[in-house]
Amino acid sequence: MACNGSGTGCQSGCYKDDTDDNLTTENKLPADVNGDDNHCRHRTRCLKCKAVEATVFTGGDGGGRFCADCFRSNLYGKFKLAVTSNAMISPTDKVLVAFSGGPSSRVALQFVSEMQLKAQKNYDATANRDRSFPVFGVGVAFVDESEVHSVISAVTDKAVEDIKQIVSNLPPPIKELHVAPISNVYSTKTSDGKEMLKSLINAVGDATGKEDLLSHLRMLSLQKIAIDNGYTKLVLGSCTSRIACHVLAATVKGQGYSLAADIQYADARWEVPVVLPLRDCPLQELSILCNLDSLKTVETFNETSAGINSLISSFVKILQEENPSRECTIVRTAGKLTPFPFNRIPEANADDADLASQRRHKKFNIKPIESLPPESFCPICNSPISSYSNPESSRELFRAACCPSCQYQIVPDEPSSMDQFYSYLPESIIARAKHGNQKWIREKIQDCLLLDDEDEV
């Protein structure tokens, strides 16, 4: 018998009636056991289909548990939404995918290839009716940086062979592979580009400056490949994780004004516009997909650096381990910065615009760009510059045309070193600096110029 809850503080354990005994797992009714099992199964089911057991667990914004099929669908959906809502790829485009060998560029290549395959199937299905949906072309570019890294030639050759195999195994249509040394940026200036490149890199004393300059030269090399082969868009595999690191690194290096230019979905300040379709995809998810689908990656040039970029990367990695949402939060916060007018793909001419592209622009209210913005651009990193000054000394003209970050970390201070550094620059960088100087002069004498519709007195 029980004490009837008399409140006497009985410690004998007799305060419960036999009918109220706690049921152990073994004594529970079958319905109770099934209820717990159902709850456990519910907690491990895929969040999307809610029918299959989850096998993939992710962190960050939108993270959770998925089955393999839903995980692929969710990740591809992020990619497709970024491409469609920002008009990154139109049926008349010829797209060049920059491939570095890592998970990000590997997934970017895979997704672009899948999108092209679907477009090809749609095109074949309308072969006997209306061919208003042409299929965009796809090429792959790999920039060989072994000239500036201490890499054994056999390792580089193996990496190139692996890349060739990856590209050849992609579904049709066939993708053309372009493998070019990073010194190809000198092809229009001198045949001894390799030595010029080494001299240019060695002329920079700052470790972060060396790394940044190499990154800028890589972009110039990709642009050259795209221009020489008639590509209209350049796809980079920059993901949420990499962009988060760039946000913090750019802030530390004093690139706050130009930061918004680099983190948007599209960037039309380049001759061949650059697009980032994986901007909303964390590296963790991209790596998981590579493992799930056995997407082969390639180990290329991974040298450790003591510069700011490496420190920031390690810092963000620690933040991500503590809170899986940190990378997404950093990118989302930086995304509130006002983008530049060139952070939108210009609308095609009416004569060239296809029906699908017109419908896409109408759906997402994409407004055309009337003209390029009036900002000046750094000749080295192509960052927009808020103000531009032109000194009297001709030796300082190039320095004055550069952004403060490049002036501090890349351009030498000593006049003699500056002269050497300038002599090693690719012609494309020098041409941009000259264009900036001419633009500055024109702005200064703008009031004295006659307009086309004005008659001379």
Protein backbone atom coordinates (compact mmCIF):
# COMPACT_ATOMS: atom_id res chain seq x y z
CA MET A 1 0.00 0.00 0.00
CA ALA A 2 1.05 3.56 -0.53
CA CYS A 3 1.26 6.44 1.92
CA ASN A 4 -1.48 8.27 -0.07
CA GLY A 5 0.81 11.20 -0.61
CA SER A 6 0.46 12.41 2.98
CA GLY A 7 3.41 14.74 2.57
CA THR A 8 5.17 13.24 5.57
CA GLY A 9 8.34 12.91 3.62
CA CYS A 10 8.36 9.12 3.66
CA GLN A 11 11.69 7.83 2.35
CA SER A 12 10.65 4.19 2.12
CA GLY A 13 9.80 4.32 -1.51
CA CYS A 14 6.20 3.33 -0.84
CA TYR A 15 4.79 6.63 -2.10
CA LYS A 16 3.57 5.07 -5.33
CA ASP A 17 0.76 2.70 -5.81
CA ASP A 18 1.36 -0.52 -7.62
CA THR A 19 -0.75 0.73 -10.51
CA ASP A 20 1.47 3.80 -10.90
CA ASP A 21 4.79 1.97 -11.04
CA ASN A 22 7.19 3.32 -13.66
CA LEU A 23 7.20 0.94 -16.55
CA THR A 24 10.62 -0.14 -17.73
CA THR A 25 11.27 -0.64 -21.39
CA GLU A 26 10.68 -4.36 -20.98
CA ASN A 27 7.27 -3.78 -19.24
CA LYS A 28 5.97 -1.16 -21.66
CA LEU A 29 3.01 -1.92 -23.79
CA PRO A 30 3.76 -2.67 -27.44
CA ALA A 31 2.07 0.58 -28.45
CA ASP A 32 4.45 2.55 -26.21
CA VAL A 33 7.49 0.81 -27.66
CA ASN A 34 6.29 1.39 -31.19
CA GLY A 35 5.73 5.04 -30.36
CA ASP A 36 9.34 5.49 -29.24
CA ASP A 37 10.60 3.60 -32.28
CA ASN A 38 8.53 5.78 -34.55
CA HIS A 39 9.89 8.87 -32.85
CA CYS A 40 13.47 7.68 -33.31
CA ARG A 41 12.83 6.81 -36.92
CA HIS A 42 11.25 10.22 -37.45
CA ARG A 43 14.31 11.93 -36.03
CA THR A 44 16.60 10.06 -38.43
CA ARG A 45 14.46 10.41 -41.54
CA CYS A 46 15.42 12.68 -44.41
CA LEU A 47 14.15 16.22 -43.82
CA LYS A 48 13.17 16.60 -47.46
CA CYS A 49 11.36 13.42 -48.48
CA LYS A 50 10.57 12.26 -44.91
CA ALA A 51 10.41 8.71 -46.20
CA VAL A 52 13.98 7.44 -46.28
CA GLU A 53 16.51 7.18 -43.51
CA ALA A 54 18.98 10.08 -43.50
CA THR A 55 22.55 9.18 -44.37
CA VAL A 56 24.02 12.65 -44.96
CA PHE A 57 24.31 15.19 -42.16
CA THR A 58 25.37 18.77 -42.84
CA GLY A 59 25.83 21.93 -40.82
CA GLY A 60 25.43 25.60 -41.51
CA ASP A 61 22.40 27.48 -42.81
CA GLY A 62 19.93 25.06 -44.33
CA GLY A 63 21.88 22.17 -42.86
CA GLY A 64 20.30 19.05 -41.58
CA ARG A 65 19.87 15.41 -42.46
CA PHE A 66 19.18 14.05 -45.93
CA CYS A 67 19.10 10.84 -47.83
CA ALA A 68 21.65 10.66 -50.62
CA ASP A 69 19.20 11.50 -53.41
CA CYS A 70 17.68 14.45 -51.59
CA PHE A 71 21.12 15.74 -50.67
CA ARG A 72 22.17 15.75 -54.33
CA SER A 73 18.89 17.39 -55.31
CA ASN A 74 19.22 20.05 -52.61
CA LEU A 75 22.79 20.95 -53.56
CA TYR A 76 22.03 21.02 -57.28
CA GLY A 77 18.98 23.16 -56.49
CA LYS A 78 21.21 25.81 -54.89
CA PHE A 79 23.40 25.81 -57.98
CA LYS A 80 20.46 25.95 -60.41
CA LEU A 81 18.75 28.77 -58.49
CA ALA A 82 21.93 30.86 -58.52
CA VAL A 83 22.38 30.29 -62.26
CA THR A 84 18.76 31.00 -63.18
CA SER A 85 18.02 33.94 -60.91
CA ASN A 86 21.21 35.76 -61.95
CA ALA A 87 21.06 34.92 -65.67
CA MET A 88 24.52 33.35 -65.46
CA ILE A 89 24.17 31.01 -68.43
CA SER A 90 22.00 31.51 -71.49
CA PRO A 91 21.50 29.02 -74.34
CA THR A 92 23.68 31.07 -76.67
CA ASP A 93 26.65 31.17 -74.28
CA LYS A 94 29.95 29.40 -74.54
CA VAL A 95 30.97 28.72 -70.95
CA LEU A 96 34.50 28.14 -69.67
CA VAL A 97 34.76 26.31 -66.33
CA ALA A 98 37.94 27.03 -64.36
CA PHE A 99 39.14 23.72 -62.95
CA SER A 100 41.72 23.61 -60.16
CA GLY A 101 41.21 19.99 -59.16
CA GLY A 102 39.54 20.55 -55.77
CA PRO A 103 36.00 19.60 -54.68
CA SER A 104 34.53 23.03 -55.49
CA SER A 105 35.66 23.22 -59.09
CA ARG A 106 34.92 19.50 -59.55
CA VAL A 107 31.29 19.95 -58.50
CA ALA A 108 30.98 23.14 -60.57
CA LEU A 109 32.17 21.21 -63.62
CA GLN A 110 29.80 18.34 -62.87
CA PHE A 111 26.76 20.57 -62.40
CA VAL A 112 27.46 22.65 -65.51
CA SER A 113 27.87 19.42 -67.45
CA GLU A 114 24.55 18.09 -66.13
CA MET A 115 22.82 21.34 -67.06
CA GLN A 116 24.26 21.12 -70.56
CA LEU A 117 23.15 17.49 -70.88
CA LYS A 118 19.57 18.42 -69.95
CA ALA A 119 19.64 21.27 -72.47
CA GLN A 120 20.88 18.87 -75.13
CA LYS A 121 18.04 16.44 -74.40
CA ASN A 122 15.51 19.26 -74.66
CA TYR A 123 17.09 20.35 -77.93
CA ASP A 124 16.95 16.83 -79.36
CA ALA A 125 13.33 16.49 -78.26
CA THR A 126 12.36 19.56 -80.30
CA ALA A 127 14.45 18.62 -83.34
CA ASN A 128 11.42 18.17 -85.56
CA ARG A 129 9.54 21.18 -84.26
CA ASP A 130 11.13 24.34 -82.90
CA ARG A 131 14.84 24.82 -82.30
CA SER A 132 14.49 27.96 -80.20
CA PHE A 133 16.51 26.41 -77.35
CA PRO A 134 20.13 26.17 -78.54
CA VAL A 135 22.58 24.32 -76.31
CA PHE A 136 25.31 26.38 -74.64
CA GLY A 137 28.87 25.20 -75.14
CA VAL A 138 31.20 24.15 -72.31
CA GLY A 139 34.97 24.17 -72.08
CA VAL A 140 37.37 23.45 -69.22
CA ALA A 141 40.49 25.44 -68.32
CA PHE A 142 43.37 24.39 -66.09
CA VAL A 143 46.13 26.87 -65.29
CA ASP A 144 49.45 25.12 -64.70
CA GLU A 145 51.28 26.97 -61.92
CA SER A 146 54.22 24.59 -61.62
CA GLU A 147 56.48 27.35 -62.95
CA VAL A 148 56.18 29.20 -59.66
CA HIS A 149 55.79 26.23 -57.31
CA SER A 150 58.39 23.69 -56.29
CA VAL A 151 56.55 20.80 -57.91
CA ILE A 152 58.18 17.79 -59.55
CA SER A 153 57.34 17.65 -63.26
CA ALA A 154 56.07 14.07 -62.91
CA VAL A 155 53.48 15.25 -60.36
CA THR A 156 52.28 17.95 -62.73
CA ASP A 157 52.09 15.52 -65.64
CA LYS A 158 50.06 13.11 -63.51
CA ALA A 159 47.67 15.89 -62.50
CA VAL A 160 47.14 16.92 -66.13
CA GLU A 161 46.48 13.31 -67.16
CA ASP A 162 43.93 12.95 -64.36
CA ILE A 163 42.19 16.14 -65.47
CA LYS A 164 42.08 14.90 -69.06
CA GLN A 165 40.46 11.69 -67.87
CA ILE A 166 37.89 13.57 -65.79
CA VAL A 167 36.90 15.78 -68.73
CA SER A 168 36.78 12.89 -71.18
CA ASN A 169 34.44 10.94 -68.87
CA LEU A 170 31.89 13.74 -68.69
CA PRO A 171 28.61 13.14 -70.53
CA PRO A 172 28.22 14.59 -74.04
CA PRO A 173 28.40 17.07 -75.65
CA ILE A 174 32.20 16.92 -75.73
CA LYS A 175 34.05 19.49 -73.63
CA GLU A 176 37.28 21.02 -74.88
CA LEU A 177 40.11 21.09 -72.35
CA HIS A 178 42.56 23.99 -72.26
CA VAL A 179 45.77 23.49 -70.27
CA ALA A 180 47.94 26.60 -70.18
CA PRO A 181 50.92 27.64 -68.08
CA ILE A 182 50.35 30.71 -65.95
CA SER A 183 53.13 32.43 -67.88
CA ASN A 184 50.86 32.56 -70.93
CA VAL A 185 49.90 36.07 -69.76
CA TYR A 186 53.24 37.12 -71.29
CA SER A 187 52.66 35.65 -74.72
CA THR A 188 51.90 39.03 -76.25
CA LYS A 189 54.97 40.69 -74.77
CA THR A 190 57.87 38.27 -74.82
CA SER A 191 58.61 34.64 -75.51
CA ASP A 192 60.56 34.32 -72.25
CA GLY A 193 57.47 34.47 -70.09
CA LYS A 194 58.63 31.89 -67.57
CA GLU A 195 61.66 33.90 -66.49
CA MET A 196 59.70 37.13 -66.51
CA LEU A 197 57.10 35.54 -64.26
CA LYS A 198 59.69 34.32 -61.76
CA SER A 199 61.36 37.72 -61.69
CA LEU A 200 58.01 39.44 -61.12
CA ILE A 201 57.08 37.15 -58.22
CA ASN A 202 60.53 37.48 -56.65
CA ALA A 203 60.29 41.28 -56.88
CA VAL A 204 57.48 41.20 -54.30
CA GLY A 205 58.83 40.97 -50.76
CA ASP A 206 55.58 40.46 -48.86
CA ALA A 207 54.33 36.86 -48.52
CA THR A 208 50.69 37.90 -48.81
CA GLY A 209 51.55 40.12 -51.75
CA LYS A 210 53.17 37.21 -53.59
CA GLU A 211 50.10 35.04 -53.05
CA ASP A 212 47.69 37.78 -54.10
CA LEU A 213 49.70 38.64 -57.20
CA LEU A 214 49.73 34.99 -58.24
CA SER A 215 45.97 34.87 -57.79
CA HIS A 216 45.55 37.96 -59.98
CA LEU A 217 47.80 36.47 -62.67
CA ARG A 218 45.76 33.28 -62.55
CA MET A 219 42.63 35.28 -63.33
CA LEU A 220 44.40 37.05 -66.19
CA SER A 221 45.44 33.68 -67.57
CA LEU A 222 41.88 32.37 -67.40
CA GLN A 223 40.63 35.53 -69.08
CA LYS A 224 43.17 35.10 -71.86
CA ILE A 225 42.10 31.49 -72.45
CA ALA A 226 38.46 32.58 -72.58
CA ILE A 227 39.10 35.48 -74.94
CA ASP A 228 41.35 33.54 -77.30
CA ASN A 229 38.81 30.72 -77.63
CA GLY A 230 35.62 32.73 -77.89
CA TYR A 231 34.05 31.96 -74.51
CA THR A 232 31.37 34.32 -73.22
CA LYS A 233 31.26 33.37 -69.50
CA LEU A 234 33.87 32.19 -67.01
CA VAL A 235 32.61 29.91 -64.23
CA LEU A 236 34.59 29.81 -60.99
CA GLY A 237 34.08 27.21 -58.27
CA SER A 238 34.29 29.73 -55.43
CA CYS A 239 32.04 28.37 -52.67
CA THR A 240 30.68 29.76 -49.40
CA SER A 241 33.76 28.66 -47.45
CA ARG A 242 36.24 30.35 -49.75
CA ILE A 243 34.18 33.52 -50.01
CA ALA A 244 33.95 33.70 -46.20
CA CYS A 245 37.74 33.59 -46.00
CA HIS A 246 38.00 36.27 -48.67
CA VAL A 247 35.61 38.55 -46.78
CA LEU A 248 37.76 38.52 -43.65
CA ALA A 249 41.06 38.66 -45.52
CA ALA A 250 39.93 41.59 -47.68
CA THR A 251 38.78 43.44 -44.56
CA VAL A 252 42.15 42.93 -42.89
CA LYS A 253 44.02 44.03 -46.03
CA GLY A 254 42.03 47.26 -46.34
CA GLN A 255 39.94 46.26 -49.35
CA GLY A 256 36.64 47.29 -47.82
CA TYR A 257 35.53 49.51 -50.70
CA SER A 258 36.02 46.84 -53.35
CA LEU A 259 34.89 43.87 -51.23
CA ALA A 260 31.32 43.93 -52.54
CA ALA A 261 32.63 43.52 -56.08
CA ASP A 262 34.21 40.12 -55.43
CA ILE A 263 31.48 38.29 -53.50
CA GLN A 264 28.47 38.66 -55.80
CA TYR A 265 27.03 35.98 -58.07
CA ALA A 266 28.17 37.77 -61.22
CA ASP A 267 31.01 40.12 -62.15
CA ALA A 268 30.93 41.83 -65.55
CA ARG A 269 33.87 44.19 -65.01
CA TRP A 270 36.05 41.61 -66.81
CA GLU A 271 36.07 41.30 -70.59
CA VAL A 272 34.64 37.82 -70.13
CA PRO A 273 32.10 38.06 -67.27
CA VAL A 274 32.79 35.88 -64.22
CA VAL A 275 30.03 33.95 -62.41
CA LEU A 276 29.98 32.11 -59.06
CA PRO A 277 27.16 29.53 -59.15
CA LEU A 278 28.37 27.77 -55.97
CA ARG A 279 28.28 30.89 -53.83
CA ASP A 280 25.65 29.36 -51.53
CA CYS A 281 27.30 25.93 -51.23
CA PRO A 282 29.70 25.26 -48.31
CA LEU A 283 32.86 23.25 -48.97
CA GLN A 284 31.67 20.56 -46.56
CA GLU A 285 28.66 19.79 -48.74
CA LEU A 286 30.71 19.82 -51.93
CA SER A 287 33.22 17.38 -50.44
CA ILE A 288 30.39 15.10 -49.31
CA LEU A 289 28.97 15.04 -52.82
CA CYS A 290 32.36 14.16 -54.28
CA ASN A 291 32.53 11.20 -51.91
CA LEU A 292 28.94 10.12 -52.55
CA ASP A 293 29.21 10.20 -56.33
CA SER A 294 32.89 9.21 -56.52
CA LEU A 295 33.76 12.45 -58.28
CA LYS A 296 37.50 12.32 -58.72
CA THR A 297 39.51 15.31 -57.52
CA VAL A 298 43.10 16.16 -58.36
CA GLU A 299 45.88 17.15 -56.01
CA THR A 300 47.71 20.07 -57.57
CA PHE A 301 49.60 22.93 -55.94
CA ASN A 302 49.08 23.16 -52.19
CA GLU A 303 52.02 25.04 -50.72
CA THR A 304 51.74 26.41 -47.20
CA SER A 305 51.99 30.15 -46.77
CA ALA A 306 52.70 32.38 -43.80
CA GLY A 307 50.63 35.21 -45.24
CA ILE A 308 47.36 36.75 -44.15
CA ASN A 309 45.28 34.52 -46.41
CA SER A 310 46.56 31.33 -44.79
CA LEU A 311 46.03 32.70 -41.29
CA ILE A 312 42.49 33.76 -42.11
CA SER A 313 41.75 30.35 -43.63
CA SER A 314 42.89 28.60 -40.44
CA PHE A 315 40.88 31.03 -38.33
CA VAL A 316 37.67 30.45 -40.30
CA LYS A 317 38.21 26.69 -40.10
CA ILE A 318 38.31 26.91 -36.30
CA LEU A 319 35.17 29.07 -36.28
CA GLN A 320 33.41 26.55 -38.50
CA GLU A 321 34.30 23.68 -36.18
CA GLU A 322 32.78 25.56 -33.23
CA ASN A 323 29.66 26.59 -35.12
CA PRO A 324 28.82 25.11 -38.55
CA SER A 325 26.86 28.25 -39.47
CA ARG A 326 29.78 30.66 -39.22
CA GLU A 327 30.80 30.59 -42.89
CA CYS A 328 27.24 31.13 -44.08
CA THR A 329 26.78 33.93 -41.56
CA ILE A 330 29.93 35.72 -42.75
CA VAL A 331 28.90 35.53 -46.40
CA ARG A 332 25.30 36.52 -45.66
CA THR A 333 26.46 39.54 -43.65
CA ALA A 334 28.89 40.65 -46.35
CA GLY A 335 26.14 40.16 -48.92
CA LYS A 336 24.36 43.16 -47.44
CA LEU A 337 27.03 45.42 -48.97
CA THR A 338 25.77 47.39 -51.94
CA PRO A 339 26.97 45.71 -55.15
CA PHE A 340 28.43 47.61 -58.07
CA PRO A 341 26.53 48.02 -61.36
CA PHE A 342 28.90 45.51 -62.99
CA ASN A 343 27.77 42.83 -60.52
CA ARG A 344 25.03 41.92 -62.93
CA ILE A 345 25.24 40.23 -66.32
CA PRO A 346 24.35 42.66 -69.14
CA GLU A 347 21.28 41.71 -71.12
CA ALA A 348 21.93 40.36 -74.59
CA ASN A 349 21.11 42.44 -77.65
CA ALA A 350 17.61 42.04 -78.96
CA ASP A 351 18.90 40.40 -82.15
CA ASP A 352 20.80 37.75 -80.21
CA ALA A 353 18.47 37.21 -77.28
CA ASP A 354 16.68 33.90 -77.35
CA LEU A 355 13.16 33.33 -76.05
CA ALA A 356 14.29 31.36 -73.01
CA SER A 357 16.65 34.14 -71.93
CA GLN A 358 13.91 36.75 -72.33
CA ARG A 359 11.53 34.74 -70.17
CA ARG A 360 14.21 34.30 -67.52
CA HIS A 361 14.94 38.03 -67.41
CA LYS A 362 11.25 38.81 -67.12
CA LYS A 363 10.67 36.25 -64.37
CA PHE A 364 13.45 37.52 -62.12
CA ASN A 365 13.13 41.20 -63.11
CA ILE A 366 16.72 41.47 -64.30
CA LYS A 367 17.30 44.98 -65.56
CA PRO A 368 19.80 45.68 -68.34
CA ILE A 369 23.00 47.61 -67.74
CA GLU A 370 23.10 50.77 -69.78
CA SER A 371 26.87 51.17 -69.57
CA LEU A 372 29.86 50.24 -67.49
CA PRO A 373 30.28 52.16 -64.23
CA PRO A 374 32.57 55.21 -64.08
CA GLU A 375 34.87 53.70 -61.44
CA SER A 376 38.58 53.38 -62.05
CA PHE A 377 40.09 49.92 -61.65
CA CYS A 378 43.38 48.79 -60.17
CA PRO A 379 45.63 47.55 -63.01
CA ILE A 380 46.88 44.62 -60.90
CA CYS A 381 43.82 43.18 -59.14
CA ASN A 382 41.12 45.02 -61.16
CA SER A 383 39.43 46.21 -57.96
CA PRO A 384 37.27 49.34 -58.26
CA ILE A 385 38.91 52.40 -56.75
CA SER A 386 36.93 55.06 -54.94
CA SER A 387 39.37 57.86 -55.76
CA TYR A 388 42.21 58.26 -58.23
CA SER A 389 45.18 60.62 -58.09
CA ASN A 390 47.83 61.20 -60.72
CA PRO A 391 51.19 62.53 -59.48
CA GLU A 392 53.63 64.58 -61.48
CA SER A 393 56.42 61.99 -61.43
CA SER A 394 56.11 59.54 -64.32
CA ARG A 395 57.78 56.85 -62.17
CA GLU A 396 54.84 56.93 -59.77
CA LEU A 397 52.11 56.80 -62.42
CA PHE A 398 51.69 53.06 -62.15
CA ARG A 399 51.71 53.08 -58.36
CA ALA A 400 49.09 55.83 -58.30
CA ALA A 401 46.82 53.75 -60.54
CA CYS A 402 46.88 50.79 -58.12
CA CYS A 403 44.52 50.26 -55.19
CA PRO A 404 45.90 50.90 -51.66
CA SER A 405 46.14 47.17 -50.93
CA CYS A 406 48.30 46.46 -53.98
CA GLN A 407 50.39 49.56 -53.27
CA TYR A 408 51.11 48.29 -49.77
CA GLN A 409 51.60 44.56 -50.37
CA ILE A 410 52.70 44.12 -53.98
CA VAL A 411 54.24 47.27 -55.48
CA PRO A 412 57.81 47.91 -54.20
CA ASP A 413 58.61 51.17 -52.40
CA GLU A 414 62.18 51.69 -53.62
CA PRO A 415 62.36 53.54 -56.97
CA SER A 416 64.93 51.11 -58.41
CA SER A 417 62.90 48.09 -57.32
CA MET A 418 59.80 49.74 -58.70
CA ASP A 419 61.44 50.16 -62.09
CA GLN A 420 62.40 46.48 -62.16
CA PHE A 421 58.96 45.39 -61.01
CA TYR A 422 57.32 47.46 -63.73
CA SER A 423 59.57 45.95 -66.41
CA TYR A 424 58.45 42.44 -65.45
CA LEU A 425 54.71 43.14 -65.66
CA PRO A 426 52.56 41.50 -68.36
CA GLU A 427 51.44 43.80 -71.13
CA SER A 428 47.78 43.41 -70.13
CA ILE A 429 48.45 44.95 -66.71
CA ILE A 430 50.49 47.81 -68.17
CA ALA A 431 47.73 48.50 -70.69
CA ARG A 432 45.15 48.76 -67.91
CA ALA A 433 47.36 51.24 -66.06
CA LYS A 434 47.76 53.37 -69.19
CA HIS A 435 44.02 53.29 -69.75
CA GLY A 436 43.49 54.49 -66.19
CA ASN A 437 45.91 57.38 -66.70
CA GLN A 438 44.20 58.37 -69.95
CA LYS A 439 40.83 58.23 -68.21
CA TRP A 440 42.13 60.48 -65.41
CA ILE A 441 43.46 63.03 -67.92
CA ARG A 442 40.18 63.01 -69.83
CA GLU A 443 38.20 63.65 -66.64
CA LYS A 444 40.49 66.59 -65.82
CA ILE A 445 39.95 68.27 -69.19
CA GLN A 446 36.31 67.21 -69.61
CA ASP A 447 35.04 70.78 -69.32
CA CYS A 448 37.32 71.86 -72.16
CA LEU A 449 36.20 69.17 -74.60
CA LEU A 450 33.66 69.72 -77.30
CA LEU A 451 30.73 67.34 -77.51
CA ASP A 452 29.99 65.57 -80.78
CA ASP A 453 26.90 67.72 -81.38
CA GLU A 454 28.67 71.01 -80.64
CA ASP A 455 30.12 73.19 -83.36
CA GLU A 456 33.53 74.77 -83.06
CA VAL A 457 33.51 78.54 -82.62
